Amino acid sequence: MVWFNIAAMPQWYAEGMKYYGHEGYTNARKTWADPDMDKQKDLTGKHYIVTGANAGLGFAIAEELAKRKATVHMVCRNADRAKEAQDKIIEAVKAAGMETPDVHVHLADMGSMDSVRAFADDFKKGNTVLHALINNAGALFNEESRTKDGVEMSVAIALGGSFLLSGLMLPLLKSAPKGRVVNISSGGQYLVGLDPKDIAGRTRTGSSFNGTAAYSYAKRAQVELTKQWTKIPAASGVVFHSMHPGWAKTPGVVSSLGDFTKKHGHMMRDEKQGADTAVWLAIADEPAEKNGLFWLDREEIRTDMRLAFTKASDKDLEMLWKECEAICGWKPEAL
């Protein structure tokens, strides 16, 4: 079972009230030397993949990259919503007085390993030099949902799908100077530890299922996996980071965490503020000099609350990696 960590909860809430809302972002922004990333205003010729790009943080990330003249590849599950999002981005960029952006839609279900493979196989045919993969796709299911193989859906999307796509895109990422993978996590990852005996969540069913906890668990595992990638020889030369977007008021958060949003909506960040660090990690020079870190508002932060005892052991991390290989049917040796 996955339960929220009692020691972590009060620390998480106290830090959240101080740092995770829009005031926290505004205060942090005042300390940045280049808050608008003016050095990276022109990304012409550079390619970026953003998963879950039709709404929320993914949309904000894709729009910001498009405004910087990047070639943006939006990976979405629903064709109609993807087309609508693509049109909105194009309209926004043109309304800002810029040329029509180079924005592409690719359809894939990040919770289906077959779908992820199909997209990756098709994309790699173009031998594109990929500058960054931004693994944003994720979902919180209040009702229990599983893949055909019995993997809890939050884990399948946020962990399985991002793991597989990252692995399959390594050759294209390695062709770029310091190609990057940015994993969008959540502050909820602080509230749980790894469950090495059941990474896939097969036993978290029926009365033991808690959608919010399952989502937090998937995001926790994603942060731990980010560290593991830095130890894999096949990923050498590629920079991996994960980030905490703060308490961002996205459509997904509003629909799945309604009570929380009602109570804290007045202080939450907007989507652009939540997406800022992800964009910075993908395009700025500074984060390319480091690897495997967890970030909030362009600052390295710890992955565990004090005295919460959520820190994973080396054995736990080995089990996490092996389970991801099993879920996805992929190993680095396949490259």
C-alpha atoms as a PDB file:
ATOM      1  CA  MET A   1       0.000   0.000   0.000  1.00  0.00           C
ATOM      2  CA  VAL A   2       0.989   3.620  -0.459  1.00  0.00           C
ATOM      3  CA  TRP A   3       0.198   6.051   2.313  1.00  0.00           C
ATOM      4  CA  PHE A   4       1.206   9.692   2.716  1.00  0.00           C
ATOM      5  CA  ASN A   5       4.219  10.170   4.962  1.00  0.00           C
ATOM      6  CA  ILE A   6       3.137  11.729   8.260  1.00  0.00           C
ATOM      7  CA  ALA A   7       6.505  13.405   8.871  1.00  0.00           C
ATOM      8  CA  ALA A   8       6.665  14.883   5.379  1.00  0.00           C
ATOM      9  CA  MET A   9       3.113  16.251   5.248  1.00  0.00           C
ATOM     10  CA  PRO A  10       3.453  19.289   7.591  1.00  0.00           C
ATOM     11  CA  GLN A  11       6.814  20.261   6.071  1.00  0.00           C
ATOM     12  CA  TRP A  12       5.399  19.991   2.563  1.00  0.00           C
ATOM     13  CA  TYR A  13       2.426  22.156   3.448  1.00  0.00           C
ATOM     14  CA  ALA A  14       4.518  24.798   5.215  1.00  0.00           C
ATOM     15  CA  GLU A  15       6.967  24.997   2.323  1.00  0.00           C
ATOM     16  CA  GLY A  16       4.093  25.025  -0.125  1.00  0.00           C
ATOM     17  CA  MET A  17       2.442  28.010   1.490  1.00  0.00           C
ATOM     18  CA  LYS A  18       5.732  29.904   1.346  1.00  0.00           C
ATOM     19  CA  TYR A  19       7.315  28.799  -1.926  1.00  0.00           C
ATOM     20  CA  TYR A  20       4.951  26.830  -4.185  1.00  0.00           C
ATOM     21  CA  GLY A  21       2.393  29.550  -4.971  1.00  0.00           C
ATOM     22  CA  HIS A  22       2.627  32.580  -7.240  1.00  0.00           C
ATOM     23  CA  GLU A  23       4.302  34.677  -4.535  1.00  0.00           C
ATOM     24  CA  GLY A  24       7.057  32.110  -4.224  1.00  0.00           C
ATOM     25  CA  TYR A  25       7.606  32.280  -7.960  1.00  0.00           C
ATOM     26  CA  THR A  26       7.561  36.089  -8.001  1.00  0.00           C
ATOM     27  CA  ASN A  27      10.094  36.297  -5.175  1.00  0.00           C
ATOM     28  CA  ALA A  28      12.392  33.766  -6.822  1.00  0.00           C
ATOM     29  CA  ARG A  29      12.194  35.557 -10.166  1.00  0.00           C
ATOM     30  CA  LYS A  30      13.632  38.710  -8.592  1.00  0.00           C
ATOM     31  CA  THR A  31      16.885  36.852  -7.942  1.00  0.00           C
ATOM     32  CA  TRP A  32      17.441  35.594 -11.495  1.00  0.00           C
ATOM     33  CA  ALA A  33      20.118  37.235 -13.655  1.00  0.00           C
ATOM     34  CA  ASP A  34      18.180  36.564 -16.873  1.00  0.00           C
ATOM     35  CA  PRO A  35      14.525  36.080 -15.881  1.00  0.00           C
ATOM     36  CA  ASP A  36      13.209  36.256 -19.448  1.00  0.00           C
ATOM     37  CA  MET A  37      15.919  33.965 -20.835  1.00  0.00           C
ATOM     38  CA  ASP A  38      16.914  36.619 -23.373  1.00  0.00           C
ATOM     39  CA  LYS A  39      20.043  34.627 -24.252  1.00  0.00           C
ATOM     40  CA  GLN A  40      17.799  31.904 -25.655  1.00  0.00           C
ATOM     41  CA  LYS A  41      15.287  34.038 -27.563  1.00  0.00           C
ATOM     42  CA  ASP A  42      16.120  32.469 -30.929  1.00  0.00           C
ATOM     43  CA  LEU A  43      15.952  28.656 -30.999  1.00  0.00           C
ATOM     44  CA  THR A  44      15.661  28.429 -34.777  1.00  0.00           C
ATOM     45  CA  GLY A  45      16.578  24.971 -36.036  1.00  0.00           C
ATOM     46  CA  LYS A  46      16.340  23.315 -32.624  1.00  0.00           C
ATOM     47  CA  HIS A  47      13.824  20.529 -32.017  1.00  0.00           C
ATOM     48  CA  TYR A  48      11.911  19.859 -28.800  1.00  0.00           C
ATOM     49  CA  ILE A  49       9.411  17.133 -27.932  1.00  0.00           C
ATOM     50  CA  VAL A  50       6.764  17.950 -25.314  1.00  0.00           C
ATOM     51  CA  THR A  51       4.445  15.158 -24.178  1.00  0.00           C
ATOM     52  CA  GLY A  52       0.962  15.974 -22.916  1.00  0.00           C
ATOM     53  CA  ALA A  53       1.210  19.276 -24.771  1.00  0.00           C
ATOM     54  CA  ASN A  54      -2.457  19.979 -25.465  1.00  0.00           C
ATOM     55  CA  ALA A  55      -3.222  21.551 -22.058  1.00  0.00           C
ATOM     56  CA  GLY A  56      -1.788  22.728 -18.757  1.00  0.00           C
ATOM     57  CA  LEU A  57       1.951  22.859 -18.243  1.00  0.00           C
ATOM     58  CA  GLY A  58       2.661  21.010 -21.480  1.00  0.00           C
ATOM     59  CA  PHE A  59       0.759  23.588 -23.493  1.00  0.00           C
ATOM     60  CA  ALA A  60       2.536  26.452 -21.710  1.00  0.00           C
ATOM     61  CA  ILE A  61       5.929  24.851 -22.378  1.00  0.00           C
ATOM     62  CA  ALA A  62       5.141  24.248 -26.048  1.00  0.00           C
ATOM     63  CA  GLU A  63       3.869  27.801 -26.504  1.00  0.00           C
ATOM     64  CA  GLU A  64       6.963  29.325 -24.890  1.00  0.00           C
ATOM     65  CA  LEU A  65       9.293  27.261 -27.069  1.00  0.00           C
ATOM     66  CA  ALA A  66       7.319  28.209 -30.179  1.00  0.00           C
ATOM     67  CA  LYS A  67       7.623  31.893 -29.292  1.00  0.00           C
ATOM     68  CA  ARG A  68      11.380  31.373 -29.262  1.00  0.00           C
ATOM     69  CA  LYS A  69      11.282  30.029 -32.847  1.00  0.00           C
ATOM     70  CA  ALA A  70      11.950  26.418 -31.884  1.00  0.00           C
ATOM     71  CA  THR A  71      10.544  23.493 -33.828  1.00  0.00           C
ATOM     72  CA  VAL A  72       8.051  22.030 -31.374  1.00  0.00           C
ATOM     73  CA  HIS A  73       6.731  18.478 -31.487  1.00  0.00           C
ATOM     74  CA  MET A  74       3.545  18.135 -29.445  1.00  0.00           C
ATOM     75  CA  VAL A  75       2.833  14.554 -28.392  1.00  0.00           C
ATOM     76  CA  CYS A  76      -0.833  14.198 -27.502  1.00  0.00           C
ATOM     77  CA  ARG A  77      -3.386  11.417 -27.119  1.00  0.00           C
ATOM     78  CA  ASN A  78      -6.498  13.124 -28.517  1.00  0.00           C
ATOM     79  CA  ALA A  79      -6.328  14.386 -32.112  1.00  0.00           C
ATOM     80  CA  ASP A  80      -9.044  17.037 -31.789  1.00  0.00           C
ATOM     81  CA  ARG A  81      -7.631  18.534 -28.601  1.00  0.00           C
ATOM     82  CA  ALA A  82      -4.139  18.456 -30.058  1.00  0.00           C
ATOM     83  CA  LYS A  83      -5.225  20.315 -33.194  1.00  0.00           C
ATOM     84  CA  GLU A  84      -7.049  22.902 -31.096  1.00  0.00           C
ATOM     85  CA  ALA A  85      -3.949  23.431 -28.947  1.00  0.00           C
ATOM     86  CA  GLN A  86      -1.720  23.662 -32.007  1.00  0.00           C
ATOM     87  CA  ASP A  87      -3.983  26.324 -33.515  1.00  0.00           C
ATOM     88  CA  LYS A  88      -3.977  28.316 -30.261  1.00  0.00           C
ATOM     89  CA  ILE A  89      -0.187  28.300 -30.127  1.00  0.00           C
ATOM     90  CA  ILE A  90       0.113  29.416 -33.738  1.00  0.00           C
ATOM     91  CA  GLU A  91      -2.418  32.199 -33.175  1.00  0.00           C
ATOM     92  CA  ALA A  92      -0.653  33.372 -29.992  1.00  0.00           C
ATOM     93  CA  VAL A  93       2.741  33.511 -31.674  1.00  0.00           C
ATOM     94  CA  LYS A  94       1.407  35.374 -34.698  1.00  0.00           C
ATOM     95  CA  ALA A  95      -0.500  37.772 -32.429  1.00  0.00           C
ATOM     96  CA  ALA A  96       2.837  38.620 -30.803  1.00  0.00           C
ATOM     97  CA  GLY A  97       4.055  39.847 -34.189  1.00  0.00           C
ATOM     98  CA  MET A  98       6.154  36.788 -35.033  1.00  0.00           C
ATOM     99  CA  GLU A  99       6.199  34.491 -38.039  1.00  0.00           C
ATOM    100  CA  THR A 100       4.062  31.355 -38.090  1.00  0.00           C
ATOM    101  CA  PRO A 101       5.808  28.896 -35.738  1.00  0.00           C
ATOM    102  CA  ASP A 102       6.944  25.408 -36.671  1.00  0.00           C
ATOM    103  CA  VAL A 103       4.652  23.322 -34.470  1.00  0.00           C
ATOM    104  CA  HIS A 104       3.852  19.671 -35.187  1.00  0.00           C
ATOM    105  CA  VAL A 105       1.318  17.284 -33.671  1.00  0.00           C
ATOM    106  CA  HIS A 106       2.134  13.618 -33.060  1.00  0.00           C
ATOM    107  CA  LEU A 107      -0.432  11.219 -31.633  1.00  0.00           C
ATOM    108  CA  ALA A 108       0.568   8.765 -28.922  1.00  0.00           C
ATOM    109  CA  ASP A 109      -0.909   7.375 -25.720  1.00  0.00           C
ATOM    110  CA  MET A 110       1.894   7.621 -23.160  1.00  0.00           C
ATOM    111  CA  GLY A 111       0.218   4.954 -21.042  1.00  0.00           C
ATOM    112  CA  SER A 112       0.530   2.415 -23.868  1.00  0.00           C
ATOM    113  CA  MET A 113       4.033   1.127 -24.490  1.00  0.00           C
ATOM    114  CA  ASP A 114       2.988  -0.036 -27.966  1.00  0.00           C
ATOM    115  CA  SER A 115       1.807   3.477 -28.800  1.00  0.00           C
ATOM    116  CA  VAL A 116       4.997   5.049 -27.446  1.00  0.00           C
ATOM    117  CA  ARG A 117       7.103   2.681 -29.533  1.00  0.00           C
ATOM    118  CA  ALA A 118       5.094   3.419 -32.663  1.00  0.00           C
ATOM    119  CA  PHE A 119       5.576   7.165 -32.227  1.00  0.00           C
ATOM    120  CA  ALA A 120       9.291   6.802 -31.488  1.00  0.00           C
ATOM    121  CA  ASP A 121       9.872   4.523 -34.468  1.00  0.00           C
ATOM    122  CA  ASP A 122       8.127   6.962 -36.781  1.00  0.00           C
ATOM    123  CA  PHE A 123       9.868  10.025 -35.355  1.00  0.00           C
ATOM    124  CA  LYS A 124      13.323   8.486 -35.591  1.00  0.00           C
ATOM    125  CA  LYS A 125      12.923   7.958 -39.324  1.00  0.00           C
ATOM    126  CA  GLY A 126      13.633  11.664 -39.768  1.00  0.00           C
ATOM    127  CA  ASN A 127      17.036  11.420 -38.011  1.00  0.00           C
ATOM    128  CA  THR A 128      16.142  14.641 -36.221  1.00  0.00           C
ATOM    129  CA  VAL A 129      18.744  16.218 -33.961  1.00  0.00           C
ATOM    130  CA  LEU A 130      16.685  16.375 -30.768  1.00  0.00           C
ATOM    131  CA  HIS A 131      17.722  19.075 -28.316  1.00  0.00           C
ATOM    132  CA  ALA A 132      15.328  18.164 -25.513  1.00  0.00           C
ATOM    133  CA  LEU A 133      12.571  15.756 -24.568  1.00  0.00           C
ATOM    134  CA  ILE A 134      10.177  17.174 -21.996  1.00  0.00           C
ATOM    135  CA  ASN A 135       8.240  14.385 -20.302  1.00  0.00           C
ATOM    136  CA  ASN A 136       5.187  16.255 -19.099  1.00  0.00           C
ATOM    137  CA  ALA A 137       2.380  13.748 -19.714  1.00  0.00           C
ATOM    138  CA  GLY A 138       0.741  12.549 -16.523  1.00  0.00           C
ATOM    139  CA  ALA A 139      -2.688  12.061 -15.026  1.00  0.00           C
ATOM    140  CA  LEU A 140      -4.287  11.654 -11.628  1.00  0.00           C
ATOM    141  CA  PHE A 141      -7.063   9.070 -11.613  1.00  0.00           C
ATOM    142  CA  ASN A 142      -9.487   9.259  -8.711  1.00  0.00           C
ATOM    143  CA  GLU A 143     -11.008   6.018  -9.948  1.00  0.00           C
ATOM    144  CA  GLU A 144      -8.766   2.980 -10.295  1.00  0.00           C
ATOM    145  CA  SER A 145      -7.489   2.574 -13.851  1.00  0.00           C
ATOM    146  CA  ARG A 146      -5.006   0.087 -15.279  1.00  0.00           C
ATOM    147  CA  THR A 147      -3.288  -0.890 -18.501  1.00  0.00           C
ATOM    148  CA  LYS A 148      -4.006  -4.194 -20.210  1.00  0.00           C
ATOM    149  CA  ASP A 149      -0.960  -5.554 -18.349  1.00  0.00           C
ATOM    150  CA  GLY A 150      -2.308  -4.522 -14.937  1.00  0.00           C
ATOM    151  CA  VAL A 151      -0.011  -1.544 -14.375  1.00  0.00           C
ATOM    152  CA  GLU A 152      -1.605   1.324 -12.447  1.00  0.00           C
ATOM    153  CA  MET A 153      -2.272   4.039 -15.030  1.00  0.00           C
ATOM    154  CA  SER A 154      -0.508   6.905 -13.244  1.00  0.00           C
ATOM    155  CA  VAL A 155       2.620   4.760 -13.140  1.00  0.00           C
ATOM    156  CA  ALA A 156       2.228   3.670 -16.755  1.00  0.00           C
ATOM    157  CA  ILE A 157       2.033   7.250 -18.035  1.00  0.00           C
ATOM    158  CA  ALA A 158       4.391   9.215 -15.789  1.00  0.00           C
ATOM    159  CA  LEU A 159       6.946   6.465 -15.260  1.00  0.00           C
ATOM    160  CA  GLY A 160       6.619   3.790 -17.931  1.00  0.00           C
ATOM    161  CA  GLY A 161       5.883   6.044 -20.882  1.00  0.00           C
ATOM    162  CA  SER A 162       8.539   8.596 -20.001  1.00  0.00           C
ATOM    163  CA  PHE A 163      11.136   5.885 -19.324  1.00  0.00           C
ATOM    164  CA  LEU A 164      10.530   4.175 -22.648  1.00  0.00           C
ATOM    165  CA  LEU A 165      10.405   7.354 -24.714  1.00  0.00           C
ATOM    166  CA  SER A 166      13.570   8.663 -23.050  1.00  0.00           C
ATOM    167  CA  GLY A 167      15.365   5.436 -23.861  1.00  0.00           C
ATOM    168  CA  LEU A 168      14.182   5.264 -27.444  1.00  0.00           C
ATOM    169  CA  MET A 169      15.137   8.894 -28.069  1.00  0.00           C
ATOM    170  CA  LEU A 170      18.676   8.595 -26.703  1.00  0.00           C
ATOM    171  CA  PRO A 171      20.322   8.315 -30.149  1.00  0.00           C
ATOM    172  CA  LEU A 172      18.648  11.548 -31.299  1.00  0.00           C
ATOM    173  CA  LEU A 173      19.392  13.320 -28.020  1.00  0.00           C
ATOM    174  CA  LYS A 174      23.039  12.266 -28.198  1.00  0.00           C
ATOM    175  CA  SER A 175      23.298  13.828 -31.651  1.00  0.00           C
ATOM    176  CA  ALA A 176      22.664  17.269 -30.112  1.00  0.00           C
ATOM    177  CA  PRO A 177      25.259  19.067 -27.992  1.00  0.00           C
ATOM    178  CA  LYS A 178      24.149  18.299 -24.428  1.00  0.00           C
ATOM    179  CA  GLY A 179      20.728  16.984 -25.388  1.00  0.00           C
ATOM    180  CA  ARG A 180      18.382  16.998 -22.429  1.00  0.00           C
ATOM    181  CA  VAL A 181      15.521  15.132 -20.812  1.00  0.00           C
ATOM    182  CA  VAL A 182      13.309  17.132 -18.460  1.00  0.00           C
ATOM    183  CA  ASN A 183      10.857  15.195 -16.296  1.00  0.00           C
ATOM    184  CA  ILE A 184       7.928  17.172 -14.916  1.00  0.00           C
ATOM    185  CA  SER A 185       7.283  15.890 -11.411  1.00  0.00           C
ATOM    186  CA  SER A 186       5.132  17.204  -8.574  1.00  0.00           C
ATOM    187  CA  GLY A 187       5.457  18.401  -5.007  1.00  0.00           C
ATOM    188  CA  GLY A 188       3.345  15.389  -4.119  1.00  0.00           C
ATOM    189  CA  GLN A 189       6.438  13.235  -4.597  1.00  0.00           C
ATOM    190  CA  TYR A 190       7.633  14.431  -1.191  1.00  0.00           C
ATOM    191  CA  LEU A 191       4.731  12.697   0.527  1.00  0.00           C
ATOM    192  CA  VAL A 192       5.600   9.111  -0.372  1.00  0.00           C
ATOM    193  CA  GLY A 193       8.580   6.814  -0.651  1.00  0.00           C
ATOM    194  CA  LEU A 194       9.277   4.140  -3.208  1.00  0.00           C
ATOM    195  CA  ASP A 195       7.463   0.828  -2.901  1.00  0.00           C
ATOM    196  CA  PRO A 196      10.169  -1.419  -4.397  1.00  0.00           C
ATOM    197  CA  LYS A 197       8.083  -4.559  -4.014  1.00  0.00           C
ATOM    198  CA  ASP A 198       5.339  -3.172  -6.241  1.00  0.00           C
ATOM    199  CA  ILE A 199       6.592  -0.426  -8.549  1.00  0.00           C
ATOM    200  CA  ALA A 200       3.745  -1.069 -10.986  1.00  0.00           C
ATOM    201  CA  GLY A 201       1.059  -0.721  -8.319  1.00  0.00           C
ATOM    202  CA  ARG A 202      -0.495  -4.113  -9.001  1.00  0.00           C
ATOM    203  CA  THR A 203      -1.459  -4.648  -5.348  1.00  0.00           C
ATOM    204  CA  ARG A 204      -2.843  -1.136  -4.823  1.00  0.00           C
ATOM    205  CA  THR A 205      -6.356  -2.071  -5.758  1.00  0.00           C
ATOM    206  CA  GLY A 206      -9.879  -1.975  -4.390  1.00  0.00           C
ATOM    207  CA  SER A 207     -10.104  -0.347  -0.967  1.00  0.00           C
ATOM    208  CA  SER A 208      -6.322   0.154  -0.876  1.00  0.00           C
ATOM    209  CA  PHE A 209      -6.357   2.367  -3.982  1.00  0.00           C
ATOM    210  CA  ASN A 210      -5.921   6.104  -3.482  1.00  0.00           C
ATOM    211  CA  GLY A 211      -5.634   8.105  -6.694  1.00  0.00           C
ATOM    212  CA  THR A 212      -3.778  11.060  -5.204  1.00  0.00           C
ATOM    213  CA  ALA A 213      -1.295   8.809  -3.439  1.00  0.00           C
ATOM    214  CA  ALA A 214      -0.809   6.714  -6.585  1.00  0.00           C
ATOM    215  CA  TYR A 215      -0.057   9.839  -8.608  1.00  0.00           C
ATOM    216  CA  SER A 216       2.377  11.069  -5.958  1.00  0.00           C
ATOM    217  CA  TYR A 217       4.043   7.682  -5.968  1.00  0.00           C
ATOM    218  CA  ALA A 218       4.455   7.745  -9.760  1.00  0.00           C
ATOM    219  CA  LYS A 219       6.002  11.201  -9.577  1.00  0.00           C
ATOM    220  CA  ARG A 220       8.315  10.095  -6.766  1.00  0.00           C
ATOM    221  CA  ALA A 221       9.519   7.193  -8.858  1.00  0.00           C
ATOM    222  CA  GLN A 222      10.050   9.547 -11.800  1.00  0.00           C
ATOM    223  CA  VAL A 223      12.358  11.755  -9.714  1.00  0.00           C
ATOM    224  CA  GLU A 224      14.349   8.737  -8.543  1.00  0.00           C
ATOM    225  CA  LEU A 225      14.565   7.433 -12.093  1.00  0.00           C
ATOM    226  CA  THR A 226      15.998  10.769 -13.241  1.00  0.00           C
ATOM    227  CA  LYS A 227      18.974  10.151 -10.958  1.00  0.00           C
ATOM    228  CA  GLN A 228      19.391   6.609 -12.240  1.00  0.00           C
ATOM    229  CA  TRP A 229      19.645   7.705 -15.860  1.00  0.00           C
ATOM    230  CA  THR A 230      22.861   9.557 -15.043  1.00  0.00           C
ATOM    231  CA  LYS A 231      24.499   6.231 -14.138  1.00  0.00           C
ATOM    232  CA  ILE A 232      23.647   4.476 -17.402  1.00  0.00           C
ATOM    233  CA  PRO A 233      26.510   4.338 -19.936  1.00  0.00           C
ATOM    234  CA  ALA A 234      24.082   4.373 -22.872  1.00  0.00           C
ATOM    235  CA  ALA A 235      22.809   7.777 -21.693  1.00  0.00           C
ATOM    236  CA  SER A 236      26.274   9.323 -21.406  1.00  0.00           C
ATOM    237  CA  GLY A 237      26.323  12.813 -22.898  1.00  0.00           C
ATOM    238  CA  VAL A 238      22.617  13.412 -22.272  1.00  0.00           C
ATOM    239  CA  VAL A 239      21.554  15.655 -19.382  1.00  0.00           C
ATOM    240  CA  PHE A 240      18.650  14.514 -17.182  1.00  0.00           C
ATOM    241  CA  HIS A 241      16.760  16.720 -14.740  1.00  0.00           C
ATOM    242  CA  SER A 242      13.401  16.633 -12.961  1.00  0.00           C
ATOM    243  CA  MET A 243      11.454  19.615 -11.703  1.00  0.00           C
ATOM    244  CA  HIS A 244       8.699  20.667  -9.326  1.00  0.00           C
ATOM    245  CA  PRO A 245       6.328  23.176 -10.979  1.00  0.00           C
ATOM    246  CA  GLY A 246       4.941  24.459  -7.709  1.00  0.00           C
ATOM    247  CA  TRP A 247       1.215  24.566  -7.047  1.00  0.00           C
ATOM    248  CA  ALA A 248       0.073  25.402 -10.564  1.00  0.00           C
ATOM    249  CA  LYS A 249      -3.596  25.899 -11.382  1.00  0.00           C
ATOM    250  CA  THR A 250      -3.937  23.705 -14.446  1.00  0.00           C
ATOM    251  CA  PRO A 251      -7.101  22.069 -15.816  1.00  0.00           C
ATOM    252  CA  GLY A 252      -5.872  18.700 -14.567  1.00  0.00           C
ATOM    253  CA  VAL A 253      -5.294  19.955 -11.038  1.00  0.00           C
ATOM    254  CA  VAL A 254      -8.643  21.736 -10.912  1.00  0.00           C
ATOM    255  CA  SER A 255     -10.548  18.644 -12.055  1.00  0.00           C
ATOM    256  CA  SER A 256      -8.731  16.061  -9.931  1.00  0.00           C
ATOM    257  CA  LEU A 257      -7.933  18.109  -6.812  1.00  0.00           C
ATOM    258  CA  GLY A 258     -11.068  20.203  -6.550  1.00  0.00           C
ATOM    259  CA  ASP A 259     -11.070  20.654  -2.771  1.00  0.00           C
ATOM    260  CA  PHE A 260      -7.420  21.686  -2.732  1.00  0.00           C
ATOM    261  CA  THR A 261      -7.993  24.151  -5.563  1.00  0.00           C
ATOM    262  CA  LYS A 262     -11.006  25.707  -3.838  1.00  0.00           C
ATOM    263  CA  LYS A 263      -8.982  26.293  -0.689  1.00  0.00           C
ATOM    264  CA  HIS A 264      -5.717  27.438  -2.293  1.00  0.00           C
ATOM    265  CA  GLY A 265      -6.719  28.643  -5.747  1.00  0.00           C
ATOM    266  CA  HIS A 266      -6.155  32.288  -4.810  1.00  0.00           C
ATOM    267  CA  MET A 267      -2.463  31.673  -4.170  1.00  0.00           C
ATOM    268  CA  MET A 268      -1.662  29.120  -6.865  1.00  0.00           C
ATOM    269  CA  ARG A 269       0.556  29.796  -9.860  1.00  0.00           C
ATOM    270  CA  ASP A 270      -0.642  30.159 -13.407  1.00  0.00           C
ATOM    271  CA  GLU A 271       0.482  27.682 -16.051  1.00  0.00           C
ATOM    272  CA  LYS A 272       3.267  29.867 -17.433  1.00  0.00           C
ATOM    273  CA  GLN A 273       4.804  30.288 -13.977  1.00  0.00           C
ATOM    274  CA  GLY A 274       4.600  26.556 -13.356  1.00  0.00           C
ATOM    275  CA  ALA A 275       6.224  25.828 -16.714  1.00  0.00           C
ATOM    276  CA  ASP A 276       9.068  28.330 -16.404  1.00  0.00           C
ATOM    277  CA  THR A 277      11.683  26.067 -14.838  1.00  0.00           C
ATOM    278  CA  ALA A 278      10.963  23.275 -17.318  1.00  0.00           C
ATOM    279  CA  VAL A 279      11.638  25.642 -20.219  1.00  0.00           C
ATOM    280  CA  TRP A 280      14.769  26.941 -18.500  1.00  0.00           C
ATOM    281  CA  LEU A 281      16.064  23.411 -17.948  1.00  0.00           C
ATOM    282  CA  ALA A 282      15.477  22.619 -21.611  1.00  0.00           C
ATOM    283  CA  ILE A 283      17.160  25.653 -23.172  1.00  0.00           C
ATOM    284  CA  ALA A 284      19.436  27.562 -20.755  1.00  0.00           C
ATOM    285  CA  ASP A 285      23.188  27.021 -20.521  1.00  0.00           C
ATOM    286  CA  GLU A 286      23.529  26.620 -16.746  1.00  0.00           C
ATOM    287  CA  PRO A 287      21.534  23.405 -16.174  1.00  0.00           C
ATOM    288  CA  ALA A 288      23.432  21.640 -18.966  1.00  0.00           C
ATOM    289  CA  GLU A 289      26.526  21.712 -16.757  1.00  0.00           C
ATOM    290  CA  LYS A 290      24.822  19.572 -14.079  1.00  0.00           C
ATOM    291  CA  ASN A 291      22.954  16.279 -14.140  1.00  0.00           C
ATOM    292  CA  GLY A 292      20.315  14.285 -12.291  1.00  0.00           C
ATOM    293  CA  LEU A 293      18.985  17.082 -10.084  1.00  0.00           C
ATOM    294  CA  PHE A 294      15.548  18.166  -8.849  1.00  0.00           C
ATOM    295  CA  TRP A 295      14.599  21.825  -9.367  1.00  0.00           C
ATOM    296  CA  LEU A 296      12.074  24.437  -8.277  1.00  0.00           C
ATOM    297  CA  ASP A 297      12.175  27.983  -9.640  1.00  0.00           C
ATOM    298  CA  ARG A 298      15.568  27.414 -11.304  1.00  0.00           C
ATOM    299  CA  GLU A 299      17.152  26.322  -8.035  1.00  0.00           C
ATOM    300  CA  GLU A 300      18.375  22.865  -7.043  1.00  0.00           C
ATOM    301  CA  ILE A 301      16.274  21.452  -4.209  1.00  0.00           C
ATOM    302  CA  ARG A 302      16.322  18.325  -2.082  1.00  0.00           C
ATOM    303  CA  THR A 303      14.175  15.338  -2.993  1.00  0.00           C
ATOM    304  CA  ASP A 304      13.236  14.345   0.567  1.00  0.00           C
ATOM    305  CA  MET A 305      11.774  16.171   3.536  1.00  0.00           C
ATOM    306  CA  ARG A 306      13.771  16.107   6.756  1.00  0.00           C
ATOM    307  CA  LEU A 307      13.276  13.059   9.000  1.00  0.00           C
ATOM    308  CA  ALA A 308      10.680  11.630   6.624  1.00  0.00           C
ATOM    309  CA  PHE A 309      12.839   8.580   5.886  1.00  0.00           C
ATOM    310  CA  THR A 310      11.667   8.469   2.286  1.00  0.00           C
ATOM    311  CA  LYS A 311      15.174   8.297   0.821  1.00  0.00           C
ATOM    312  CA  ALA A 312      15.474   5.257  -1.443  1.00  0.00           C
ATOM    313  CA  SER A 313      18.273   2.749  -0.951  1.00  0.00           C
ATOM    314  CA  ASP A 314      20.560   1.635  -3.766  1.00  0.00           C
ATOM    315  CA  LYS A 315      18.737  -1.689  -3.768  1.00  0.00           C
ATOM    316  CA  ASP A 316      15.388   0.083  -4.111  1.00  0.00           C
ATOM    317  CA  LEU A 317      16.701   2.066  -7.078  1.00  0.00           C
ATOM    318  CA  GLU A 318      18.014  -1.059  -8.761  1.00  0.00           C
ATOM    319  CA  MET A 319      14.593  -2.663  -8.372  1.00  0.00           C
ATOM    320  CA  LEU A 320      12.939   0.471  -9.767  1.00  0.00           C
ATOM    321  CA  TRP A 321      15.101   0.368 -12.870  1.00  0.00           C
ATOM    322  CA  LYS A 322      14.550  -3.343 -13.465  1.00  0.00           C
ATOM    323  CA  GLU A 323      10.795  -2.974 -13.039  1.00  0.00           C
ATOM    324  CA  CYS A 324      10.736  -0.120 -15.548  1.00  0.00           C
ATOM    325  CA  GLU A 325      12.601  -2.333 -17.995  1.00  0.00           C
ATOM    326  CA  ALA A 326      10.009  -5.056 -17.416  1.00  0.00           C
ATOM    327  CA  ILE A 327       7.018  -2.715 -17.770  1.00  0.00           C
ATOM    328  CA  CYS A 328       8.368  -1.237 -21.000  1.00  0.00           C
ATOM    329  CA  GLY A 329      10.080  -4.253 -22.494  1.00  0.00           C
ATOM    330  CA  TRP A 330      13.202  -2.198 -23.147  1.00  0.00           C
ATOM    331  CA  LYS A 331      16.793  -2.147 -21.883  1.00  0.00           C
ATOM    332  CA  PRO A 332      19.677   0.216 -22.672  1.00  0.00           C
ATOM    333  CA  GLU A 333      21.485  -2.730 -24.233  1.00  0.00           C
ATOM    334  CA  ALA A 334      18.895  -2.575 -27.029  1.00  0.00           C
ATOM    335  CA  LEU A 335      20.561   0.559 -28.429  1.00  0.00           C
END
